[in-house]
Structure formats: C-alpha cells, structure tokens
Amino acid sequence: MIILRIYPIRELNQVWDDIVRNVAALSNEHSTPLYLSQQEEKNFLSIIYDVKDADSFGDIIVQSIPSTLNPEKTRTITLLKPVFFPAPRDRPANLERYQVALQARTNELESVFRHIVHLNYPKDVFPTYAAYSFGEDDILTSMLSVGRHRIEEFIAQNVQPETGVEHVEISRIGMSRRLAPPGMWKDYRESRYLFKPTPQYEDYDFTELAALSGAFVHEVSVD
C-alpha cells in the first residue's frame, strides 16, 4: 500500500471531485486507487493505492497526477506489512474514524507494532488496519472510536506508555470514499485480516463511515 498525498493549489473540495471523476486516469494495471480520504484541518487529500510495481506507480506520480489534478506538490508514504481487522458486530452505532501515527525507536519498532496489533481493544475503540510506515512516521493505524476524547484516553493508557514509543499523533478523518470496485476492495481487506470474521466480528468497509456532507467545514486554505 502507498499513500499519495495531494497538496492542491485549488480548494480541497474541487480536487476531491476531480479525483472521484478521474479514477481511471489515476490508475494503471499495476496501481489501483483503493480509497480517498481527508484529515480534518489538513491541507491535503490522501489517495491510498495498491501498488504492484513501483516503476509503474512512478508514471502516475509524474504524469497522471500533474496532468489531471495540477497540484502544488505531492508526497508518498509507503505502508508495509498492512494488517486489517474485522469489526465487532455489537460496536456502537455512532463511530468516527481516526488516523493514529506513531514514531518509535528503531530497535523497538517490531515489538511496538506487535503490541498495537494484539492489544485487547474495547468495542468503542478498535483498529481497522495497521502498517509499518517508513516516512515521517514509523507506524500508521486507522482506528474507529466514539469520539476524540475516548480514543485519546485509550491511546494515552495503552499505547504511549509502551517501551519504544516516542510520539503519537491522532487525526480525525473527516471524509472518505471508496475508489476501488467493491468486490476488489472486499477481497483486498479479507486477504490481509489478522483473523477471519467470526460470529462476533464481521467484515466492515470503514471507508464508508465518514459522511460525504460537510466534510470541508474545517478546510485549510493553501498558501
């Protein structure tokens, strides 16, 4: 998985619409956009790709993205060894999605990742995926929670004290949308599940969680 961050010259909502309309132009046989998301109060959009050939993905970055979206700049974040999680069937009805980004000491990175993956999560805070991220952060996770206060409380008690964790940043995902065909996206998640769905846990498309209305209330203007 690779996250491609788009820093637009125009307003975020205009570029969002352009991405949704031009998915085919932003894809090739080796690089498939999985979903699109936007973090509240951030001045970029994120397209999450399934990439099977890095050179082919390079063509999208240097050809397709400039000609289709004309951004100010882009940044890429590589996600390695992604692990997905089914969702509790009896989860709360009103959930919000958050990105939890961690920086960890190199010699403790693997143990921190194992800790996050195998934590005993409650029903009101639980992960949808976790992966190594070799960029500005070391581990990226997507989590669902009933609200910011609850996820901050859980992270403060269960993640930040772990040996090797140096910094944690929590950002709310204000808007998300699936770009891949539904069957392909479902198969992609299921092939990477830490454990298979059970009577207590079910497959869940977390990209459909964030509402498509009012997503840019906190939009940040690009200089």
Protein backbone atom coordinates (compact mmCIF):
# COMPACT_ATOMS: atom_id res chain seq x y z
CA MET A 1 0.00 0.00 0.00
CA ILE A 2 1.15 3.53 -0.77
CA ILE A 3 -0.46 6.75 0.42
CA LEU A 4 -0.22 9.54 -2.13
CA ARG A 5 -0.83 12.92 -0.52
CA ILE A 6 -2.09 15.62 -2.87
CA TYR A 7 -1.46 19.24 -1.87
CA PRO A 8 -3.75 21.23 -4.17
CA ILE A 9 -3.47 24.76 -5.44
CA ARG A 10 -7.26 24.94 -5.69
CA GLU A 11 -9.81 24.30 -2.94
CA LEU A 12 -9.85 20.81 -1.48
CA ASN A 13 -13.44 20.08 -2.46
CA GLN A 14 -12.72 20.87 -6.13
CA VAL A 15 -9.77 18.49 -6.24
CA TRP A 16 -11.77 15.86 -4.34
CA ASP A 17 -14.42 15.96 -7.07
CA ASP A 18 -11.74 15.78 -9.79
CA ILE A 19 -10.23 12.66 -8.21
CA VAL A 20 -13.61 10.94 -7.97
CA ARG A 21 -14.39 11.77 -11.62
CA ASN A 22 -10.99 10.67 -12.93
CA VAL A 23 -10.24 7.41 -11.11
CA ALA A 24 -9.45 5.63 -14.40
CA ALA A 25 -6.93 8.30 -15.39
CA LEU A 26 -5.23 7.95 -11.99
CA SER A 27 -4.91 4.16 -12.29
CA ASN A 28 -3.00 1.63 -14.36
CA GLU A 29 -2.75 -2.15 -14.49
CA HIS A 30 -0.22 -2.20 -11.63
CA SER A 31 -1.57 0.63 -9.43
CA THR A 32 -5.16 0.68 -8.17
CA PRO A 33 -6.63 3.51 -6.05
CA LEU A 34 -8.36 1.86 -3.09
CA TYR A 35 -9.92 4.85 -1.35
CA LEU A 36 -9.70 8.60 -0.88
CA SER A 37 -9.65 10.39 2.47
CA GLN A 38 -9.15 13.79 4.05
CA GLN A 39 -7.99 14.56 7.58
CA GLU A 40 -9.71 17.44 9.31
CA GLU A 41 -7.72 20.68 9.35
CA LYS A 42 -5.10 19.33 6.92
CA ASN A 43 -4.38 20.95 3.56
CA PHE A 44 -4.01 17.72 1.60
CA LEU A 45 -6.02 14.79 0.29
CA SER A 46 -4.82 11.20 0.51
CA ILE A 47 -5.28 8.55 -2.18
CA ILE A 48 -4.44 5.08 -0.85
CA TYR A 49 -3.13 2.80 -3.62
CA ASP A 50 -2.50 -0.90 -4.01
CA VAL A 51 0.80 -0.90 -5.92
CA LYS A 52 2.25 -4.00 -7.55
CA ASP A 53 5.05 -2.28 -9.49
CA ALA A 54 6.87 0.79 -8.17
CA ASP A 55 8.12 1.98 -11.57
CA SER A 56 4.59 1.88 -12.93
CA PHE A 57 3.35 3.87 -9.95
CA GLY A 58 6.04 6.43 -10.74
CA ASP A 59 4.27 7.11 -14.03
CA ILE A 60 1.13 8.04 -12.11
CA ILE A 61 3.06 10.43 -9.87
CA VAL A 62 4.97 12.25 -12.62
CA GLN A 63 2.41 12.03 -15.47
CA SER A 64 -1.17 11.28 -14.43
CA ILE A 65 -1.38 13.33 -11.25
CA PRO A 66 0.10 16.57 -12.72
CA SER A 67 -1.99 16.42 -15.90
CA THR A 68 -5.25 15.54 -14.10
CA LEU A 69 -5.04 17.44 -10.81
CA ASN A 70 -2.25 20.03 -11.23
CA PRO A 71 -1.31 20.01 -7.53
CA GLU A 72 1.20 22.26 -5.83
CA LYS A 73 3.12 19.17 -4.68
CA THR A 74 2.72 15.51 -3.71
CA ARG A 75 4.19 13.28 -1.03
CA THR A 76 4.25 9.47 -0.85
CA ILE A 77 4.13 7.25 2.23
CA THR A 78 4.85 3.54 1.87
CA LEU A 79 2.83 1.17 4.05
CA LEU A 80 4.46 -2.23 4.53
CA LYS A 81 3.01 -5.42 6.00
CA PRO A 82 -0.51 -3.99 6.40
CA VAL A 83 -2.82 -5.89 8.73
CA PHE A 84 -6.61 -5.42 8.58
CA PHE A 85 -9.17 -6.18 11.28
CA PRO A 86 -12.84 -7.20 11.18
CA ALA A 87 -15.15 -5.01 13.28
CA PRO A 88 -17.12 -6.08 16.36
CA ARG A 89 -20.70 -6.83 15.38
CA ASP A 90 -22.02 -5.14 18.52
CA ARG A 91 -19.96 -1.97 18.06
CA PRO A 92 -21.55 1.41 18.90
CA ALA A 93 -23.71 2.92 16.19
CA ASN A 94 -22.03 6.33 16.05
CA LEU A 95 -18.34 5.98 15.28
CA GLU A 96 -15.69 8.32 13.93
CA ARG A 97 -12.51 7.32 12.09
CA TYR A 98 -9.07 8.46 13.19
CA GLN A 99 -5.53 8.07 11.94
CA VAL A 100 -3.06 7.25 14.70
CA ALA A 101 0.55 7.90 13.63
CA LEU A 102 3.42 6.65 15.79
CA GLN A 103 7.12 7.27 15.92
CA ALA A 104 9.13 4.59 17.68
CA ARG A 105 12.73 3.72 18.42
CA THR A 106 14.18 1.53 15.68
CA ASN A 107 15.23 -1.28 17.99
CA GLU A 108 11.71 -1.41 19.48
CA LEU A 109 9.71 -0.93 16.28
CA GLU A 110 8.72 -4.56 15.79
CA SER A 111 7.64 -5.02 19.41
CA VAL A 112 5.60 -1.78 19.30
CA PHE A 113 3.86 -2.97 16.14
CA ARG A 114 3.07 -6.35 17.70
CA HIS A 115 1.72 -4.58 20.77
CA ILE A 116 -0.64 -2.46 18.68
CA VAL A 117 -1.82 -5.37 16.57
CA HIS A 118 -2.52 -7.67 19.51
CA LEU A 119 -3.96 -5.20 22.02
CA ASN A 120 -7.20 -6.15 23.70
CA TYR A 121 -9.36 -3.43 22.13
CA PRO A 122 -12.71 -2.40 23.60
CA LYS A 123 -15.82 -2.10 21.45
CA ASP A 124 -15.74 1.71 21.46
CA VAL A 125 -12.10 1.97 20.22
CA PHE A 126 -10.74 -0.55 17.73
CA PRO A 127 -8.46 -0.67 14.67
CA THR A 128 -9.37 -1.16 11.03
CA TYR A 129 -5.77 -1.54 9.84
CA ALA A 130 -2.16 -1.08 10.95
CA ALA A 131 1.05 -0.98 8.92
CA TYR A 132 4.70 -0.04 9.08
CA SER A 133 5.23 3.42 7.58
CA PHE A 134 8.76 4.34 6.57
CA GLY A 135 8.43 8.09 6.17
CA GLU A 136 7.87 10.82 8.72
CA ASP A 137 6.20 8.21 10.95
CA ASP A 138 7.05 4.59 11.69
CA ILE A 139 3.61 3.05 12.15
CA LEU A 140 0.24 4.21 10.83
CA THR A 141 -3.05 2.83 12.05
CA SER A 142 -6.68 3.56 11.26
CA MET A 143 -9.00 3.33 14.26
CA LEU A 144 -12.69 3.80 14.95
CA SER A 145 -13.89 5.43 18.15
CA VAL A 146 -16.97 7.05 19.61
CA GLY A 147 -15.08 10.34 19.84
CA ARG A 148 -11.74 12.10 20.19
CA HIS A 149 -11.73 12.14 23.99
CA ARG A 150 -12.23 8.38 24.13
CA ILE A 151 -9.51 7.49 21.62
CA GLU A 152 -7.07 9.92 23.23
CA GLU A 153 -7.77 8.33 26.60
CA PHE A 154 -7.25 4.82 25.21
CA ILE A 155 -4.01 5.72 23.42
CA ALA A 156 -2.65 7.52 26.50
CA GLN A 157 -3.29 4.49 28.67
CA ASN A 158 -2.43 1.64 26.29
CA VAL A 159 -0.04 2.86 23.58
CA GLN A 160 2.03 5.84 24.73
CA PRO A 161 3.45 4.07 27.82
CA GLU A 162 4.74 1.15 25.70
CA THR A 163 8.53 0.85 25.64
CA GLY A 164 9.90 2.30 22.41
CA VAL A 165 7.01 4.66 21.63
CA GLU A 166 8.37 8.19 21.24
CA HIS A 167 5.48 10.19 19.76
CA VAL A 168 1.82 9.65 18.87
CA GLU A 169 -0.40 11.93 16.77
CA ILE A 170 -4.16 11.43 16.42
CA SER A 171 -6.03 13.00 13.48
CA ARG A 172 -9.74 12.69 12.70
CA ILE A 173 -10.70 11.57 9.21
CA GLY A 174 -13.45 13.95 8.17
CA MET A 175 -14.26 12.40 4.82
CA SER A 176 -13.54 9.15 2.99
CA ARG A 177 -14.73 7.40 -0.14
CA ARG A 178 -14.04 4.04 -1.71
CA LEU A 179 -12.48 4.26 -5.19
CA ALA A 180 -11.83 0.58 -5.91
CA PRO A 181 -14.60 -1.72 -7.15
CA PRO A 182 -16.47 -3.07 -4.08
CA GLY A 183 -15.57 -6.71 -4.72
CA MET A 184 -11.88 -5.97 -5.19
CA TRP A 185 -11.73 -3.82 -2.04
CA LYS A 186 -13.53 -6.51 -0.01
CA ASP A 187 -11.13 -9.22 -1.23
CA TYR A 188 -8.17 -6.94 -0.50
CA ARG A 189 -9.23 -6.44 3.11
CA GLU A 190 -10.11 -10.06 3.72
CA SER A 191 -6.79 -11.35 2.32
CA ARG A 192 -4.96 -9.30 4.96
CA TYR A 193 -7.13 -9.85 8.01
CA LEU A 194 -5.31 -10.63 11.24
CA PHE A 195 -8.13 -13.09 11.88
CA LYS A 196 -11.12 -14.09 9.81
CA PRO A 197 -14.64 -12.79 10.52
CA THR A 198 -16.44 -14.72 13.26
CA PRO A 199 -19.90 -14.64 14.85
CA GLN A 200 -18.56 -11.78 17.00
CA TYR A 201 -16.58 -9.95 14.28
CA GLU A 202 -17.64 -9.07 10.74
CA ASP A 203 -16.13 -7.65 7.57
CA TYR A 204 -16.59 -3.89 7.56
CA ASP A 205 -15.90 -1.25 4.92
CA PHE A 206 -14.51 1.58 7.04
CA THR A 207 -14.22 3.91 4.02
CA GLU A 208 -17.99 4.33 4.08
CA LEU A 209 -18.01 5.54 7.66
CA ALA A 210 -17.19 9.23 7.18
CA ALA A 211 -20.10 11.23 5.82
CA LEU A 212 -19.88 12.82 2.39
CA SER A 213 -21.53 16.03 3.51
CA GLY A 214 -19.94 18.87 5.40
CA ALA A 215 -16.50 17.30 5.14
CA PHE A 216 -14.69 20.52 4.40
CA VAL A 217 -16.09 22.64 7.24
CA HIS A 218 -12.54 22.82 8.66
CA GLU A 219 -10.87 23.26 5.30
CA VAL A 220 -7.44 24.82 5.44
CA SER A 221 -6.60 27.30 2.70
CA VAL A 222 -3.49 26.55 0.70
CA ASP A 223 -0.98 29.41 0.52
